[in-house]
Amino acid sequence: MSKKNKVISDYKKIIQIQERIIKAKEKEFKLVEKLFFEYMDREELYAHWYTRYRFIAELLIEKLKMKGATDE
């Protein structure tokens, strides 16, 4: 094998390794993006329920205070 062919084969190996690295990084990015959107959806859902139950709890506390004031 001539020196030129050896250099070309080395370059091909380097390119193959770089392509594998790029594919792995793209796959990793897609997984992170997927997780990010899943957590965003969950955060919105939890924020909705937290707000709802906080509102209900505040109403309940207000009614209990009013009832305590009328019982005295």
PDB file of N, CA and C in Angstrom:
ATOM      1  N   MET A   1       0.856  -1.168   0.000  1.00  0.00           N
ATOM      2  CA  MET A   1       0.000   0.000   0.000  1.00  0.00           C
ATOM      3  C   MET A   1       0.903   1.232   0.000  1.00  0.00           C
ATOM      4  N   SER A   2       0.600   2.132  -0.864  1.00  0.00           N
ATOM      5  CA  SER A   2       1.410   3.338  -0.944  1.00  0.00           C
ATOM      6  C   SER A   2       1.052   4.286   0.189  1.00  0.00           C
ATOM      7  N   LYS A   3       1.939   5.221   0.390  1.00  0.00           N
ATOM      8  CA  LYS A   3       1.732   6.191   1.470  1.00  0.00           C
ATOM      9  C   LYS A   3       0.471   7.008   1.237  1.00  0.00           C
ATOM     10  N   LYS A   4       0.191   7.347  -0.022  1.00  0.00           N
ATOM     11  CA  LYS A   4      -0.995   8.132  -0.363  1.00  0.00           C
ATOM     12  C   LYS A   4      -2.265   7.356  -0.040  1.00  0.00           C
ATOM     13  N   ASN A   5      -2.305   6.078  -0.388  1.00  0.00           N
ATOM     14  CA  ASN A   5      -3.486   5.251  -0.097  1.00  0.00           C
ATOM     15  C   ASN A   5      -3.686   5.085   1.402  1.00  0.00           C
ATOM     16  N   LYS A   6      -2.571   4.963   2.123  1.00  0.00           N
ATOM     17  CA  LYS A   6      -2.658   4.825   3.576  1.00  0.00           C
ATOM     18  C   LYS A   6      -3.220   6.095   4.205  1.00  0.00           C
ATOM     19  N   VAL A   7      -2.776   7.244   3.740  1.00  0.00           N
ATOM     20  CA  VAL A   7      -3.281   8.512   4.247  1.00  0.00           C
ATOM     21  C   VAL A   7      -4.770   8.645   3.957  1.00  0.00           C
ATOM     22  N   ILE A   8      -5.170   8.274   2.752  1.00  0.00           N
ATOM     23  CA  ILE A   8      -6.593   8.340   2.382  1.00  0.00           C
ATOM     24  C   ILE A   8      -7.420   7.416   3.262  1.00  0.00           C
ATOM     25  N   SER A   9      -6.942   6.198   3.505  1.00  0.00           N
ATOM     26  CA  SER A   9      -7.689   5.274   4.359  1.00  0.00           C
ATOM     27  C   SER A   9      -7.757   5.800   5.794  1.00  0.00           C
ATOM     28  N   ASP A  10      -6.679   6.442   6.259  1.00  0.00           N
ATOM     29  CA  ASP A  10      -6.707   7.045   7.596  1.00  0.00           C
ATOM     30  C   ASP A  10      -7.751   8.158   7.662  1.00  0.00           C
ATOM     31  N   TYR A  11      -7.797   8.981   6.622  1.00  0.00           N
ATOM     32  CA  TYR A  11      -8.802  10.051   6.574  1.00  0.00           C
ATOM     33  C   TYR A  11     -10.217   9.473   6.560  1.00  0.00           C
ATOM     34  N   LYS A  12     -10.421   8.396   5.845  1.00  0.00           N
ATOM     35  CA  LYS A  12     -11.748   7.762   5.801  1.00  0.00           C
ATOM     36  C   LYS A  12     -12.135   7.255   7.181  1.00  0.00           C
ATOM     37  N   LYS A  13     -11.176   6.673   7.906  1.00  0.00           N
ATOM     38  CA  LYS A  13     -11.460   6.196   9.256  1.00  0.00           C
ATOM     39  C   LYS A  13     -11.801   7.355  10.184  1.00  0.00           C
ATOM     40  N   ILE A  14     -11.050   8.442  10.041  1.00  0.00           N
ATOM     41  CA  ILE A  14     -11.322   9.628  10.864  1.00  0.00           C
ATOM     42  C   ILE A  14     -12.711  10.169  10.572  1.00  0.00           C
ATOM     43  N   ILE A  15     -13.065  10.223   9.303  1.00  0.00           N
ATOM     44  CA  ILE A  15     -14.398  10.715   8.927  1.00  0.00           C
ATOM     45  C   ILE A  15     -15.484   9.801   9.472  1.00  0.00           C
ATOM     46  N   GLN A  16     -15.283   8.502   9.412  1.00  0.00           N
ATOM     47  CA  GLN A  16     -16.275   7.564   9.951  1.00  0.00           C
ATOM     48  C   GLN A  16     -16.454   7.766  11.459  1.00  0.00           C
ATOM     49  N   ILE A  17     -15.347   7.961  12.152  1.00  0.00           N
ATOM     50  CA  ILE A  17     -15.428   8.188  13.598  1.00  0.00           C
ATOM     51  C   ILE A  17     -16.169   9.490  13.887  1.00  0.00           C
ATOM     52  N   GLN A  18     -15.867  10.530  13.129  1.00  0.00           N
ATOM     53  CA  GLN A  18     -16.555  11.809  13.326  1.00  0.00           C
ATOM     54  C   GLN A  18     -18.045  11.688  13.031  1.00  0.00           C
ATOM     55  N   GLU A  19     -18.386  10.927  11.997  1.00  0.00           N
ATOM     56  CA  GLU A  19     -19.806  10.734  11.679  1.00  0.00           C
ATOM     57  C   GLU A  19     -20.518  10.008  12.808  1.00  0.00           C
ATOM     58  N   ARG A  20     -19.869   9.009  13.412  1.00  0.00           N
ATOM     59  CA  ARG A  20     -20.470   8.304  14.543  1.00  0.00           C
ATOM     60  C   ARG A  20     -20.649   9.240  15.738  1.00  0.00           C
ATOM     61  N   ILE A  21     -19.656  10.086  15.962  1.00  0.00           N
ATOM     62  CA  ILE A  21     -19.755  11.045  17.066  1.00  0.00           C
ATOM     63  C   ILE A  21     -20.912  12.009  16.822  1.00  0.00           C
ATOM     64  N   ILE A  22     -21.035  12.501  15.597  1.00  0.00           N
ATOM     65  CA  ILE A  22     -22.127  13.428  15.260  1.00  0.00           C
ATOM     66  C   ILE A  22     -23.479  12.760  15.439  1.00  0.00           C
ATOM     67  N   LYS A  23     -23.605  11.517  14.992  1.00  0.00           N
ATOM     68  CA  LYS A  23     -24.877  10.798  15.152  1.00  0.00           C
ATOM     69  C   LYS A  23     -25.206  10.595  16.624  1.00  0.00           C
ATOM     70  N   ALA A  24     -24.185  10.261  17.414  1.00  0.00           N
ATOM     71  CA  ALA A  24     -24.418  10.075  18.849  1.00  0.00           C
ATOM     72  C   ALA A  24     -24.854  11.385  19.500  1.00  0.00           C
ATOM     73  N   LYS A  25     -24.234  12.491  19.133  1.00  0.00           N
ATOM     74  CA  LYS A  25     -24.608  13.794  19.683  1.00  0.00           C
ATOM     75  C   LYS A  25     -26.024  14.189  19.266  1.00  0.00           C
ATOM     76  N   GLU A  26     -26.378  13.902  18.013  1.00  0.00           N
ATOM     77  CA  GLU A  26     -27.738  14.210  17.556  1.00  0.00           C
ATOM     78  C   GLU A  26     -28.762  13.390  18.321  1.00  0.00           C
ATOM     79  N   LYS A  27     -28.446  12.128  18.545  1.00  0.00           N
ATOM     80  CA  LYS A  27     -29.358  11.264  19.300  1.00  0.00           C
ATOM     81  C   LYS A  27     -29.495  11.773  20.733  1.00  0.00           C
ATOM     82  N   GLU A  28     -28.371  12.146  21.331  1.00  0.00           N
ATOM     83  CA  GLU A  28     -28.388  12.688  22.682  1.00  0.00           C
ATOM     84  C   GLU A  28     -29.214  13.973  22.750  1.00  0.00           C
ATOM     85  N   PHE A  29     -29.055  14.852  21.770  1.00  0.00           N
ATOM     86  CA  PHE A  29     -29.816  16.097  21.743  1.00  0.00           C
ATOM     87  C   PHE A  29     -31.313  15.818  21.626  1.00  0.00           C
ATOM     88  N   LYS A  30     -31.682  14.865  20.779  1.00  0.00           N
ATOM     89  CA  LYS A  30     -33.098  14.536  20.618  1.00  0.00           C
ATOM     90  C   LYS A  30     -33.691  13.992  21.913  1.00  0.00           C
ATOM     91  N   LEU A  31     -32.921  13.162  22.636  1.00  0.00           N
ATOM     92  CA  LEU A  31     -33.408  12.637  23.910  1.00  0.00           C
ATOM     93  C   LEU A  31     -33.580  13.746  24.940  1.00  0.00           C
ATOM     94  N   VAL A  32     -32.616  14.651  24.999  1.00  0.00           N
ATOM     95  CA  VAL A  32     -32.708  15.772  25.946  1.00  0.00           C
ATOM     96  C   VAL A  32     -33.897  16.662  25.592  1.00  0.00           C
ATOM     97  N   GLU A  33     -34.082  16.911  24.312  1.00  0.00           N
ATOM     98  CA  GLU A  33     -35.212  17.732  23.871  1.00  0.00           C
ATOM     99  C   GLU A  33     -36.534  17.071  24.238  1.00  0.00           C
ATOM    100  N   LYS A  34     -36.615  15.761  24.035  1.00  0.00           N
ATOM    101  CA  LYS A  34     -37.835  15.023  24.370  1.00  0.00           C
ATOM    102  C   LYS A  34     -38.119  15.114  25.874  1.00  0.00           C
ATOM    103  N   LEU A  35     -37.084  14.908  26.689  1.00  0.00           N
ATOM    104  CA  LEU A  35     -37.262  15.014  28.137  1.00  0.00           C
ATOM    105  C   LEU A  35     -37.677  16.419  28.553  1.00  0.00           C
ATOM    106  N   PHE A  36     -37.064  17.415  27.924  1.00  0.00           N
ATOM    107  CA  PHE A  36     -37.397  18.802  28.239  1.00  0.00           C
ATOM    108  C   PHE A  36     -38.878  19.067  27.996  1.00  0.00           C
ATOM    109  N   PHE A  37     -39.387  18.649  26.835  1.00  0.00           N
ATOM    110  CA  PHE A  37     -40.794  18.898  26.531  1.00  0.00           C
ATOM    111  C   PHE A  37     -41.717  18.092  27.439  1.00  0.00           C
ATOM    112  N   GLU A  38     -41.317  16.869  27.810  1.00  0.00           N
ATOM    113  CA  GLU A  38     -42.136  16.090  28.742  1.00  0.00           C
ATOM    114  C   GLU A  38     -42.223  16.794  30.093  1.00  0.00           C
ATOM    115  N   TYR A  39     -41.085  17.310  30.591  1.00  0.00           N
ATOM    116  CA  TYR A  39     -41.103  18.004  31.869  1.00  0.00           C
ATOM    117  C   TYR A  39     -41.853  19.322  31.776  1.00  0.00           C
ATOM    118  N   MET A  40     -41.790  19.988  30.640  1.00  0.00           N
ATOM    119  CA  MET A  40     -42.559  21.229  30.469  1.00  0.00           C
ATOM    120  C   MET A  40     -44.049  20.923  30.569  1.00  0.00           C
ATOM    121  N   ASP A  41     -44.488  19.842  29.912  1.00  0.00           N
ATOM    122  CA  ASP A  41     -45.894  19.463  29.976  1.00  0.00           C
ATOM    123  C   ASP A  41     -46.303  19.140  31.407  1.00  0.00           C
ATOM    124  N   ARG A  42     -45.462  18.400  32.107  1.00  0.00           N
ATOM    125  CA  ARG A  42     -45.779  18.049  33.491  1.00  0.00           C
ATOM    126  C   ARG A  42     -45.820  19.289  34.371  1.00  0.00           C
ATOM    127  N   GLU A  43     -44.886  20.186  34.163  1.00  0.00           N
ATOM    128  CA  GLU A  43     -44.840  21.406  34.974  1.00  0.00           C
ATOM    129  C   GLU A  43     -46.113  22.211  34.792  1.00  0.00           C
ATOM    130  N   GLU A  44     -46.584  22.314  33.559  1.00  0.00           N
ATOM    131  CA  GLU A  44     -47.826  23.052  33.311  1.00  0.00           C
ATOM    132  C   GLU A  44     -49.000  22.368  33.978  1.00  0.00           C
ATOM    133  N   LEU A  45     -49.036  21.042  33.911  1.00  0.00           N
ATOM    134  CA  LEU A  45     -50.120  20.289  34.539  1.00  0.00           C
ATOM    135  C   LEU A  45     -50.088  20.479  36.060  1.00  0.00           C
ATOM    136  N   TYR A  46     -48.904  20.332  36.667  1.00  0.00           N
ATOM    137  CA  TYR A  46     -48.796  20.499  38.112  1.00  0.00           C
ATOM    138  C   TYR A  46     -49.109  21.926  38.538  1.00  0.00           C
ATOM    139  N   ALA A  47     -48.681  22.894  37.746  1.00  0.00           N
ATOM    140  CA  ALA A  47     -48.973  24.289  38.084  1.00  0.00           C
ATOM    141  C   ALA A  47     -50.482  24.523  38.075  1.00  0.00           C
ATOM    142  N   HIS A  48     -51.177  23.933  37.105  1.00  0.00           N
ATOM    143  CA  HIS A  48     -52.638  24.074  37.040  1.00  0.00           C
ATOM    144  C   HIS A  48     -53.288  23.485  38.281  1.00  0.00           C
ATOM    145  N   TRP A  49     -52.905  22.258  38.639  1.00  0.00           N
ATOM    146  CA  TRP A  49     -53.527  21.615  39.793  1.00  0.00           C
ATOM    147  C   TRP A  49     -53.150  22.318  41.092  1.00  0.00           C
ATOM    148  N   TYR A  50     -51.903  22.763  41.202  1.00  0.00           N
ATOM    149  CA  TYR A  50     -51.487  23.484  42.413  1.00  0.00           C
ATOM    150  C   TYR A  50     -52.317  24.753  42.586  1.00  0.00           C
ATOM    151  N   THR A  51     -52.486  25.494  41.492  1.00  0.00           N
ATOM    152  CA  THR A  51     -53.266  26.724  41.552  1.00  0.00           C
ATOM    153  C   THR A  51     -54.714  26.429  41.948  1.00  0.00           C
ATOM    154  N   ARG A  52     -55.265  25.390  41.374  1.00  0.00           N
ATOM    155  CA  ARG A  52     -56.653  25.023  41.676  1.00  0.00           C
ATOM    156  C   ARG A  52     -56.820  24.664  43.149  1.00  0.00           C
ATOM    157  N   TYR A  53     -55.940  23.794  43.653  1.00  0.00           N
ATOM    158  CA  TYR A  53     -56.072  23.378  45.051  1.00  0.00           C
ATOM    159  C   TYR A  53     -55.725  24.499  46.019  1.00  0.00           C
ATOM    160  N   ARG A  54     -54.817  25.375  45.643  1.00  0.00           N
ATOM    161  CA  ARG A  54     -54.513  26.510  46.502  1.00  0.00           C
ATOM    162  C   ARG A  54     -55.731  27.417  46.621  1.00  0.00           C
ATOM    163  N   PHE A  55     -56.421  27.647  45.509  1.00  0.00           N
ATOM    164  CA  PHE A  55     -57.629  28.465  45.525  1.00  0.00           C
ATOM    165  C   PHE A  55     -58.687  27.832  46.429  1.00  0.00           C
ATOM    166  N   ILE A  56     -58.869  26.520  46.294  1.00  0.00           N
ATOM    167  CA  ILE A  56     -59.860  25.816  47.117  1.00  0.00           C
ATOM    168  C   ILE A  56     -59.461  25.876  48.585  1.00  0.00           C
ATOM    169  N   ALA A  57     -58.174  25.703  48.871  1.00  0.00           N
ATOM    170  CA  ALA A  57     -57.708  25.756  50.264  1.00  0.00           C
ATOM    171  C   ALA A  57     -57.930  27.137  50.858  1.00  0.00           C
ATOM    172  N   GLU A  58     -57.671  28.187  50.097  1.00  0.00           N
ATOM    173  CA  GLU A  58     -57.894  29.546  50.593  1.00  0.00           C
ATOM    174  C   GLU A  58     -59.374  29.792  50.880  1.00  0.00           C
ATOM    175  N   LEU A  59     -60.251  29.282  49.999  1.00  0.00           N
ATOM    176  CA  LEU A  59     -61.694  29.421  50.258  1.00  0.00           C
ATOM    177  C   LEU A  59     -62.100  28.681  51.517  1.00  0.00           C
ATOM    178  N   LEU A  60     -61.566  27.482  51.694  1.00  0.00           N
ATOM    179  CA  LEU A  60     -61.890  26.690  52.879  1.00  0.00           C
ATOM    180  C   LEU A  60     -61.408  27.386  54.149  1.00  0.00           C
ATOM    181  N   ILE A  61     -60.209  27.911  54.122  1.00  0.00           N
ATOM    182  CA  ILE A  61     -59.679  28.629  55.293  1.00  0.00           C
ATOM    183  C   ILE A  61     -60.535  29.849  55.605  1.00  0.00           C
ATOM    184  N   GLU A  62     -60.924  30.566  54.565  1.00  0.00           N
ATOM    185  CA  GLU A  62     -61.771  31.759  54.760  1.00  0.00           C
ATOM    186  C   GLU A  62     -63.114  31.369  55.374  1.00  0.00           C
ATOM    187  N   LYS A  63     -63.709  30.286  54.884  1.00  0.00           N
ATOM    188  CA  LYS A  63     -65.003  29.851  55.429  1.00  0.00           C
ATOM    189  C   LYS A  63     -64.870  29.378  56.872  1.00  0.00           C
ATOM    190  N   LEU A  64     -63.752  28.675  57.154  1.00  0.00           N
ATOM    191  CA  LEU A  64     -63.543  28.222  58.530  1.00  0.00           C
ATOM    192  C   LEU A  64     -63.344  29.401  59.473  1.00  0.00           C
ATOM    193  N   LYS A  65     -62.650  30.433  59.019  1.00  0.00           N
ATOM    194  CA  LYS A  65     -62.471  31.629  59.849  1.00  0.00           C
ATOM    195  C   LYS A  65     -63.804  32.318  60.079  1.00  0.00           C
ATOM    196  N   MET A  66     -64.613  32.382  59.027  1.00  0.00           N
ATOM    197  CA  MET A  66     -65.927  33.011  59.160  1.00  0.00           C
ATOM    198  C   MET A  66     -66.799  32.198  60.115  1.00  0.00           C
ATOM    199  N   LYS A  67     -66.741  30.898  60.015  1.00  0.00           N
ATOM    200  CA  LYS A  67     -67.552  30.057  60.880  1.00  0.00           C
ATOM    201  C   LYS A  67     -67.073  30.178  62.323  1.00  0.00           C
ATOM    202  N   GLY A  68     -65.746  30.230  62.511  1.00  0.00           N
ATOM    203  CA  GLY A  68     -65.200  30.412  63.862  1.00  0.00           C
ATOM    204  C   GLY A  68     -65.611  31.744  64.459  1.00  0.00           C
ATOM    205  N   ALA A  69     -65.708  32.764  63.655  1.00  0.00           N
ATOM    206  CA  ALA A  69     -66.112  34.090  64.146  1.00  0.00           C
ATOM    207  C   ALA A  69     -67.585  34.088  64.516  1.00  0.00           C
ATOM    208  N   THR A  70     -68.411  33.331  63.795  1.00  0.00           N
ATOM    209  CA  THR A  70     -69.853  33.315  64.105  1.00  0.00           C
ATOM    210  C   THR A  70     -70.152  32.412  65.281  1.00  0.00           C
ATOM    211  N   ASP A  71     -69.297  31.409  65.553  1.00  0.00           N
ATOM    212  CA  ASP A  71     -69.523  30.510  66.679  1.00  0.00           C
ATOM    213  C   ASP A  71     -69.221  31.172  68.013  1.00  0.00           C
ATOM    214  N   GLU A  72     -68.382  32.189  68.013  1.00  0.00           N
ATOM    215  CA  GLU A  72     -67.980  32.829  69.269  1.00  0.00           C
ATOM    216  C   GLU A  72     -69.018  33.726  69.804  1.00  0.00           C
TER     217      GLU A  72
END
